[in-house]
Amino acid sequence: MSQKFPRHVASGIWTFTPVYEALLMRVAARLSAALPEMFLRTGDAAHLTTTRELGEPEIWTNNRHMLAAAACFGLVGLSATVR
């Protein structure tokens, strides 16, 4: 098993935030306000909402749907593989 993730956690690469009811309500509100043609899973919307609430200006992902939705969450979507 790879030890990269535990090392990344220990070094602070990952930021963990609790999931609480108010956050989930904001996720639901953003999903309700999204354009009908936007494909976005609830978990992805939770990541985008949390990233925005943490004050981050951008989100890194290889998920094309999250990249397409990032601007709707006030974020810049960046990817190492999708150009």
PDB file of N, CA and C in Angstrom:
ATOM      1  N   MET A   1       0.834  -1.179   0.000  1.00  0.00           N
ATOM      2  CA  MET A   1       0.000   0.000   0.000  1.00  0.00           C
ATOM      3  C   MET A   1       0.881   1.246   0.000  1.00  0.00           C
ATOM      4  N   SER A   2       0.484   2.227  -0.758  1.00  0.00           N
ATOM      5  CA  SER A   2       1.258   3.456  -0.871  1.00  0.00           C
ATOM      6  C   SER A   2       1.234   4.248   0.430  1.00  0.00           C
ATOM      7  N   GLN A   3       2.362   4.816   0.748  1.00  0.00           N
ATOM      8  CA  GLN A   3       2.469   5.654   1.945  1.00  0.00           C
ATOM      9  C   GLN A   3       2.418   7.136   1.590  1.00  0.00           C
ATOM     10  N   LYS A   4       2.147   7.436   0.323  1.00  0.00           N
ATOM     11  CA  LYS A   4       2.107   8.837  -0.094  1.00  0.00           C
ATOM     12  C   LYS A   4       1.030   9.623   0.640  1.00  0.00           C
ATOM     13  N   PHE A   5      -0.184   9.071   0.678  1.00  0.00           N
ATOM     14  CA  PHE A   5      -1.270   9.819   1.299  1.00  0.00           C
ATOM     15  C   PHE A   5      -0.978  10.131   2.765  1.00  0.00           C
ATOM     16  N   PRO A   6      -0.596   9.155   3.598  1.00  0.00           N
ATOM     17  CA  PRO A   6      -0.278   9.489   4.988  1.00  0.00           C
ATOM     18  C   PRO A   6       0.841  10.547   5.108  1.00  0.00           C
ATOM     19  N   ARG A   7       1.810  10.478   4.221  1.00  0.00           N
ATOM     20  CA  ARG A   7       2.887  11.495   4.249  1.00  0.00           C
ATOM     21  C   ARG A   7       2.338  12.861   3.851  1.00  0.00           C
ATOM     22  N   HIS A   8       1.462  12.874   2.858  1.00  0.00           N
ATOM     23  CA  HIS A   8       0.855  14.144   2.445  1.00  0.00           C
ATOM     24  C   HIS A   8       0.015  14.740   3.578  1.00  0.00           C
ATOM     25  N   VAL A   9      -0.731  13.887   4.274  1.00  0.00           N
ATOM     26  CA  VAL A   9      -1.531  14.360   5.414  1.00  0.00           C
ATOM     27  C   VAL A   9      -0.615  14.948   6.483  1.00  0.00           C
ATOM     28  N   ALA A  10       0.435  14.229   6.820  1.00  0.00           N
ATOM     29  CA  ALA A  10       1.361  14.676   7.863  1.00  0.00           C
ATOM     30  C   ALA A  10       2.054  15.987   7.494  1.00  0.00           C
ATOM     31  N   SER A  11       2.300  16.190   6.203  1.00  0.00           N
ATOM     32  CA  SER A  11       3.008  17.404   5.784  1.00  0.00           C
ATOM     33  C   SER A  11       2.078  18.593   5.544  1.00  0.00           C
ATOM     34  N   GLY A  12       0.768  18.376   5.645  1.00  0.00           N
ATOM     35  CA  GLY A  12      -0.174  19.486   5.510  1.00  0.00           C
ATOM     36  C   GLY A  12      -0.620  19.770   4.086  1.00  0.00           C
ATOM     37  N   ILE A  13      -0.340  18.877   3.149  1.00  0.00           N
ATOM     38  CA  ILE A  13      -0.796  19.082   1.773  1.00  0.00           C
ATOM     39  C   ILE A  13      -2.318  19.100   1.711  1.00  0.00           C
ATOM     40  N   TRP A  14      -2.950  18.240   2.483  1.00  0.00           N
ATOM     41  CA  TRP A  14      -4.403  18.146   2.511  1.00  0.00           C
ATOM     42  C   TRP A  14      -4.956  19.039   3.613  1.00  0.00           C
ATOM     43  N   THR A  15      -6.090  19.675   3.327  1.00  0.00           N
ATOM     44  CA  THR A  15      -6.813  20.442   4.327  1.00  0.00           C
ATOM     45  C   THR A  15      -8.124  19.720   4.594  1.00  0.00           C
ATOM     46  N   PHE A  16      -8.340  19.332   5.821  1.00  0.00           N
ATOM     47  CA  PHE A  16      -9.572  18.644   6.189  1.00  0.00           C
ATOM     48  C   PHE A  16     -10.499  19.619   6.895  1.00  0.00           C
ATOM     49  N   THR A  17     -11.765  19.536   6.573  1.00  0.00           N
ATOM     50  CA  THR A  17     -12.762  20.379   7.221  1.00  0.00           C
ATOM     51  C   THR A  17     -13.965  19.509   7.558  1.00  0.00           C
ATOM     52  N   PRO A  18     -14.603  19.758   8.684  1.00  0.00           N
ATOM     53  CA  PRO A  18     -15.754  18.925   9.040  1.00  0.00           C
ATOM     54  C   PRO A  18     -16.939  19.180   8.114  1.00  0.00           C
ATOM     55  N   VAL A  19     -17.699  18.142   7.889  1.00  0.00           N
ATOM     56  CA  VAL A  19     -18.940  18.263   7.133  1.00  0.00           C
ATOM     57  C   VAL A  19     -20.049  18.438   8.165  1.00  0.00           C
ATOM     58  N   TYR A  20     -20.765  19.528   8.053  1.00  0.00           N
ATOM     59  CA  TYR A  20     -21.804  19.832   9.019  1.00  0.00           C
ATOM     60  C   TYR A  20     -23.073  20.228   8.267  1.00  0.00           C
ATOM     61  N   GLU A  21     -24.170  20.277   8.967  1.00  0.00           N
ATOM     62  CA  GLU A  21     -25.468  20.490   8.319  1.00  0.00           C
ATOM     63  C   GLU A  21     -25.529  21.782   7.523  1.00  0.00           C
ATOM     64  N   ALA A  22     -25.029  22.870   8.068  1.00  0.00           N
ATOM     65  CA  ALA A  22     -25.088  24.150   7.355  1.00  0.00           C
ATOM     66  C   ALA A  22     -24.322  24.084   6.038  1.00  0.00           C
ATOM     67  N   LEU A  23     -23.194  23.403   6.028  1.00  0.00           N
ATOM     68  CA  LEU A  23     -22.430  23.245   4.798  1.00  0.00           C
ATOM     69  C   LEU A  23     -23.236  22.448   3.774  1.00  0.00           C
ATOM     70  N   LEU A  24     -23.847  21.362   4.213  1.00  0.00           N
ATOM     71  CA  LEU A  24     -24.638  20.547   3.299  1.00  0.00           C
ATOM     72  C   LEU A  24     -25.851  21.309   2.760  1.00  0.00           C
ATOM     73  N   MET A  25     -26.410  22.196   3.551  1.00  0.00           N
ATOM     74  CA  MET A  25     -27.511  23.028   3.077  1.00  0.00           C
ATOM     75  C   MET A  25     -27.028  23.984   1.987  1.00  0.00           C
ATOM     76  N   ARG A  26     -25.827  24.517   2.127  1.00  0.00           N
ATOM     77  CA  ARG A  26     -25.264  25.393   1.094  1.00  0.00           C
ATOM     78  C   ARG A  26     -24.946  24.603  -0.183  1.00  0.00           C
ATOM     79  N   VAL A  27     -24.488  23.377  -0.021  1.00  0.00           N
ATOM     80  CA  VAL A  27     -24.261  22.508  -1.181  1.00  0.00           C
ATOM     81  C   VAL A  27     -25.591  22.305  -1.915  1.00  0.00           C
ATOM     82  N   ALA A  28     -26.631  21.990  -1.170  1.00  0.00           N
ATOM     83  CA  ALA A  28     -27.949  21.769  -1.770  1.00  0.00           C
ATOM     84  C   ALA A  28     -28.440  23.021  -2.495  1.00  0.00           C
ATOM     85  N   ALA A  29     -28.224  24.181  -1.901  1.00  0.00           N
ATOM     86  CA  ALA A  29     -28.657  25.434  -2.528  1.00  0.00           C
ATOM     87  C   ALA A  29     -27.904  25.678  -3.830  1.00  0.00           C
ATOM     88  N   ARG A  30     -26.613  25.408  -3.835  1.00  0.00           N
ATOM     89  CA  ARG A  30     -25.821  25.599  -5.068  1.00  0.00           C
ATOM     90  C   ARG A  30     -26.259  24.613  -6.146  1.00  0.00           C
ATOM     91  N   LEU A  31     -26.536  23.384  -5.765  1.00  0.00           N
ATOM     92  CA  LEU A  31     -27.007  22.406  -6.742  1.00  0.00           C
ATOM     93  C   LEU A  31     -28.367  22.805  -7.314  1.00  0.00           C
ATOM     94  N   SER A  32     -29.239  23.339  -6.458  1.00  0.00           N
ATOM     95  CA  SER A  32     -30.561  23.773  -6.916  1.00  0.00           C
ATOM     96  C   SER A  32     -30.459  24.949  -7.877  1.00  0.00           C
ATOM     97  N   ALA A  33     -29.451  25.795  -7.675  1.00  0.00           N
ATOM     98  CA  ALA A  33     -29.283  26.980  -8.512  1.00  0.00           C
ATOM     99  C   ALA A  33     -28.503  26.688  -9.792  1.00  0.00           C
ATOM    100  N   ALA A  34     -27.918  25.513  -9.890  1.00  0.00           N
ATOM    101  CA  ALA A  34     -27.098  25.170 -11.059  1.00  0.00           C
ATOM    102  C   ALA A  34     -27.961  25.053 -12.311  1.00  0.00           C
ATOM    103  N   LEU A  35     -27.349  25.315 -13.442  1.00  0.00           N
ATOM    104  CA  LEU A  35     -28.042  25.160 -14.715  1.00  0.00           C
ATOM    105  C   LEU A  35     -28.442  23.703 -14.905  1.00  0.00           C
ATOM    106  N   PRO A  36     -29.607  23.458 -15.458  1.00  0.00           N
ATOM    107  CA  PRO A  36     -30.088  22.076 -15.619  1.00  0.00           C
ATOM    108  C   PRO A  36     -29.156  21.207 -16.457  1.00  0.00           C
ATOM    109  N   GLU A  37     -28.463  21.815 -17.403  1.00  0.00           N
ATOM    110  CA  GLU A  37     -27.576  21.025 -18.258  1.00  0.00           C
ATOM    111  C   GLU A  37     -26.217  20.735 -17.625  1.00  0.00           C
ATOM    112  N   MET A  38     -25.959  21.316 -16.448  1.00  0.00           N
ATOM    113  CA  MET A  38     -24.689  21.063 -15.770  1.00  0.00           C
ATOM    114  C   MET A  38     -24.750  19.713 -15.061  1.00  0.00           C
ATOM    115  N   PHE A  39     -23.834  18.814 -15.428  1.00  0.00           N
ATOM    116  CA  PHE A  39     -23.758  17.524 -14.758  1.00  0.00           C
ATOM    117  C   PHE A  39     -22.790  17.666 -13.594  1.00  0.00           C
ATOM    118  N   LEU A  40     -23.290  17.470 -12.391  1.00  0.00           N
ATOM    119  CA  LEU A  40     -22.450  17.598 -11.211  1.00  0.00           C
ATOM    120  C   LEU A  40     -22.983  16.680 -10.119  1.00  0.00           C
ATOM    121  N   ARG A  41     -22.125  15.790  -9.661  1.00  0.00           N
ATOM    122  CA  ARG A  41     -22.515  14.896  -8.574  1.00  0.00           C
ATOM    123  C   ARG A  41     -22.485  15.667  -7.254  1.00  0.00           C
ATOM    124  N   THR A  42     -23.285  15.196  -6.316  1.00  0.00           N
ATOM    125  CA  THR A  42     -23.380  15.854  -5.020  1.00  0.00           C
ATOM    126  C   THR A  42     -22.020  15.920  -4.323  1.00  0.00           C
ATOM    127  N   GLY A  43     -21.262  14.834  -4.356  1.00  0.00           N
ATOM    128  CA  GLY A  43     -19.942  14.832  -3.722  1.00  0.00           C
ATOM    129  C   GLY A  43     -19.010  15.857  -4.344  1.00  0.00           C
ATOM    130  N   ASP A  44     -19.096  16.016  -5.660  1.00  0.00           N
ATOM    131  CA  ASP A  44     -18.271  17.015  -6.332  1.00  0.00           C
ATOM    132  C   ASP A  44     -18.699  18.422  -5.927  1.00  0.00           C
ATOM    133  N   ALA A  45     -20.005  18.635  -5.822  1.00  0.00           N
ATOM    134  CA  ALA A  45     -20.506  19.934  -5.379  1.00  0.00           C
ATOM    135  C   ALA A  45     -20.063  20.227  -3.946  1.00  0.00           C
ATOM    136  N   ALA A  46     -20.004  19.197  -3.118  1.00  0.00           N
ATOM    137  CA  ALA A  46     -19.520  19.384  -1.740  1.00  0.00           C
ATOM    138  C   ALA A  46     -18.053  19.796  -1.737  1.00  0.00           C
ATOM    139  N   HIS A  47     -17.251  19.181  -2.609  1.00  0.00           N
ATOM    140  CA  HIS A  47     -15.840  19.576  -2.701  1.00  0.00           C
ATOM    141  C   HIS A  47     -15.703  21.022  -3.174  1.00  0.00           C
ATOM    142  N   LEU A  48     -16.472  21.402  -4.186  1.00  0.00           N
ATOM    143  CA  LEU A  48     -16.398  22.761  -4.707  1.00  0.00           C
ATOM    144  C   LEU A  48     -16.862  23.787  -3.669  1.00  0.00           C
ATOM    145  N   THR A  49     -17.955  23.482  -3.000  1.00  0.00           N
ATOM    146  CA  THR A  49     -18.474  24.395  -1.978  1.00  0.00           C
ATOM    147  C   THR A  49     -17.483  24.548  -0.829  1.00  0.00           C
ATOM    148  N   THR A  50     -16.935  23.443  -0.364  1.00  0.00           N
ATOM    149  CA  THR A  50     -15.977  23.483   0.741  1.00  0.00           C
ATOM    150  C   THR A  50     -14.721  24.261   0.348  1.00  0.00           C
ATOM    151  N   THR A  51     -14.246  24.028  -0.857  1.00  0.00           N
ATOM    152  CA  THR A  51     -13.059  24.742  -1.326  1.00  0.00           C
ATOM    153  C   THR A  51     -13.304  26.242  -1.314  1.00  0.00           C
ATOM    154  N   ARG A  52     -14.445  26.649  -1.802  1.00  0.00           N
ATOM    155  CA  ARG A  52     -14.798  28.078  -1.822  1.00  0.00           C
ATOM    156  C   ARG A  52     -14.908  28.626  -0.405  1.00  0.00           C
ATOM    157  N   GLU A  53     -15.548  27.883   0.473  1.00  0.00           N
ATOM    158  CA  GLU A  53     -15.735  28.364   1.847  1.00  0.00           C
ATOM    159  C   GLU A  53     -14.429  28.439   2.624  1.00  0.00           C
ATOM    160  N   LEU A  54     -13.456  27.650   2.235  1.00  0.00           N
ATOM    161  CA  LEU A  54     -12.135  27.732   2.869  1.00  0.00           C
ATOM    162  C   LEU A  54     -11.346  28.937   2.367  1.00  0.00           C
ATOM    163  N   GLY A  55     -11.903  29.642   1.392  1.00  0.00           N
ATOM    164  CA  GLY A  55     -11.248  30.834   0.864  1.00  0.00           C
ATOM    165  C   GLY A  55     -10.221  30.561  -0.220  1.00  0.00           C
ATOM    166  N   GLU A  56     -10.243  29.341  -0.735  1.00  0.00           N
ATOM    167  CA  GLU A  56      -9.295  29.002  -1.801  1.00  0.00           C
ATOM    168  C   GLU A  56      -9.793  29.604  -3.118  1.00  0.00           C
ATOM    169  N   PRO A  57      -8.896  30.137  -3.928  1.00  0.00           N
ATOM    170  CA  PRO A  57      -9.323  30.723  -5.198  1.00  0.00           C
ATOM    171  C   PRO A  57      -9.440  29.706  -6.332  1.00  0.00           C
ATOM    172  N   GLU A  58      -8.852  28.524  -6.130  1.00  0.00           N
ATOM    173  CA  GLU A  58      -8.821  27.533  -7.204  1.00  0.00           C
ATOM    174  C   GLU A  58      -8.970  26.129  -6.653  1.00  0.00           C
ATOM    175  N   ILE A  59      -9.334  25.228  -7.553  1.00  0.00           N
ATOM    176  CA  ILE A  59      -9.419  23.815  -7.204  1.00  0.00           C
ATOM    177  C   ILE A  59      -8.721  23.019  -8.295  1.00  0.00           C
ATOM    178  N   TRP A  60      -7.914  22.066  -7.876  1.00  0.00           N
ATOM    179  CA  TRP A  60      -7.214  21.178  -8.796  1.00  0.00           C
ATOM    180  C   TRP A  60      -7.956  19.853  -8.863  1.00  0.00           C
ATOM    181  N   THR A  61      -8.275  19.439 -10.078  1.00  0.00           N
ATOM    182  CA  THR A  61      -8.960  18.170 -10.275  1.00  0.00           C
ATOM    183  C   THR A  61      -8.770  17.704 -11.711  1.00  0.00           C
ATOM    184  N   ASN A  62      -8.886  16.430 -11.929  1.00  0.00           N
ATOM    185  CA  ASN A  62      -8.894  15.889 -13.280  1.00  0.00           C
ATOM    186  C   ASN A  62     -10.315  15.539 -13.712  1.00  0.00           C
ATOM    187  N   ASN A  63     -11.294  15.888 -12.888  1.00  0.00           N
ATOM    188  CA  ASN A  63     -12.695  15.610 -13.159  1.00  0.00           C
ATOM    189  C   ASN A  63     -13.249  16.715 -14.063  1.00  0.00           C
ATOM    190  N   ARG A  64     -13.586  16.368 -15.293  1.00  0.00           N
ATOM    191  CA  ARG A  64     -14.017  17.373 -16.259  1.00  0.00           C
ATOM    192  C   ARG A  64     -15.311  18.067 -15.853  1.00  0.00           C
ATOM    193  N   HIS A  65     -16.174  17.378 -15.129  1.00  0.00           N
ATOM    194  CA  HIS A  65     -17.422  17.994 -14.691  1.00  0.00           C
ATOM    195  C   HIS A  65     -17.157  19.035 -13.600  1.00  0.00           C
ATOM    196  N   MET A  66     -16.256  18.719 -12.698  1.00  0.00           N
ATOM    197  CA  MET A  66     -15.897  19.701 -11.666  1.00  0.00           C
ATOM    198  C   MET A  66     -15.210  20.908 -12.292  1.00  0.00           C
ATOM    199  N   LEU A  67     -14.350  20.666 -13.274  1.00  0.00           N
ATOM    200  CA  LEU A  67     -13.687  21.773 -13.959  1.00  0.00           C
ATOM    201  C   LEU A  67     -14.703  22.685 -14.628  1.00  0.00           C
ATOM    202  N   ALA A  68     -15.696  22.090 -15.267  1.00  0.00           N
ATOM    203  CA  ALA A  68     -16.725  22.876 -15.945  1.00  0.00           C
ATOM    204  C   ALA A  68     -17.581  23.673 -14.964  1.00  0.00           C
ATOM    205  N   ALA A  69     -17.776  23.156 -13.762  1.00  0.00           N
ATOM    206  CA  ALA A  69     -18.634  23.803 -12.767  1.00  0.00           C
ATOM    207  C   ALA A  69     -17.879  24.764 -11.855  1.00  0.00           C
ATOM    208  N   ALA A  70     -16.577  24.725 -11.861  1.00  0.00           N
ATOM    209  CA  ALA A  70     -15.779  25.513 -10.906  1.00  0.00           C
ATOM    210  C   ALA A  70     -16.157  26.984 -10.906  1.00  0.00           C
ATOM    211  N   ALA A  71     -16.298  27.584 -12.074  1.00  0.00           N
ATOM    212  CA  ALA A  71     -16.613  29.018 -12.144  1.00  0.00           C
ATOM    213  C   ALA A  71     -17.953  29.341 -11.485  1.00  0.00           C
ATOM    214  N   CYS A  72     -18.913  28.422 -11.550  1.00  0.00           N
ATOM    215  CA  CYS A  72     -20.211  28.633 -10.910  1.00  0.00           C
ATOM    216  C   CYS A  72     -20.092  28.685  -9.390  1.00  0.00           C
ATOM    217  N   PHE A  73     -18.991  28.179  -8.872  1.00  0.00           N
ATOM    218  CA  PHE A  73     -18.740  28.188  -7.434  1.00  0.00           C
ATOM    219  C   PHE A  73     -17.741  29.276  -7.064  1.00  0.00           C
ATOM    220  N   GLY A  74     -17.403  30.130  -8.034  1.00  0.00           N
ATOM    221  CA  GLY A  74     -16.468  31.220  -7.778  1.00  0.00           C
ATOM    222  C   GLY A  74     -15.025  30.771  -7.714  1.00  0.00           C
ATOM    223  N   LEU A  75     -14.722  29.665  -8.371  1.00  0.00           N
ATOM    224  CA  LEU A  75     -13.374  29.096  -8.341  1.00  0.00           C
ATOM    225  C   LEU A  75     -12.773  29.009  -9.735  1.00  0.00           C
ATOM    226  N   VAL A  76     -11.472  28.961  -9.775  1.00  0.00           N
ATOM    227  CA  VAL A  76     -10.768  28.655 -11.004  1.00  0.00           C
ATOM    228  C   VAL A  76     -10.473  27.161 -10.964  1.00  0.00           C
ATOM    229  N   GLY A  77     -10.904  26.450 -11.985  1.00  0.00           N
ATOM    230  CA  GLY A  77     -10.624  25.016 -12.059  1.00  0.00           C
ATOM    231  C   GLY A  77      -9.336  24.761 -12.811  1.00  0.00           C
ATOM    232  N   LEU A  78      -8.435  24.019 -12.201  1.00  0.00           N
ATOM    233  CA  LEU A  78      -7.140  23.716 -12.808  1.00  0.00           C
ATOM    234  C   LEU A  78      -6.926  22.207 -12.837  1.00  0.00           C
ATOM    235  N   SER A  79      -6.235  21.754 -13.866  1.00  0.00           N
ATOM    236  CA  SER A  79      -5.960  20.334 -14.013  1.00  0.00           C
ATOM    237  C   SER A  79      -4.577  20.141 -14.606  1.00  0.00           C
ATOM    238  N   ALA A  80      -3.924  19.106 -14.145  1.00  0.00           N
ATOM    239  CA  ALA A  80      -2.608  18.785 -14.687  1.00  0.00           C
ATOM    240  C   ALA A  80      -2.723  18.072 -16.021  1.00  0.00           C
ATOM    241  N   THR A  81      -3.891  17.467 -16.292  1.00  0.00           N
ATOM    242  CA  THR A  81      -4.012  16.682 -17.509  1.00  0.00           C
ATOM    243  C   THR A  81      -5.026  17.246 -18.496  1.00  0.00           C
ATOM    244  N   VAL A  82      -6.020  17.976 -18.043  1.00  0.00           N
ATOM    245  CA  VAL A  82      -7.036  18.533 -18.939  1.00  0.00           C
ATOM    246  C   VAL A  82      -6.613  19.950 -19.303  1.00  0.00           C
ATOM    247  N   ARG A  83      -6.389  20.173 -20.577  1.00  0.00           N
ATOM    248  CA  ARG A  83      -5.933  21.501 -21.013  1.00  0.00           C
ATOM    249  C   ARG A  83      -6.930  22.133 -21.923  1.00  0.00           C
TER     250      ARG A  83
END
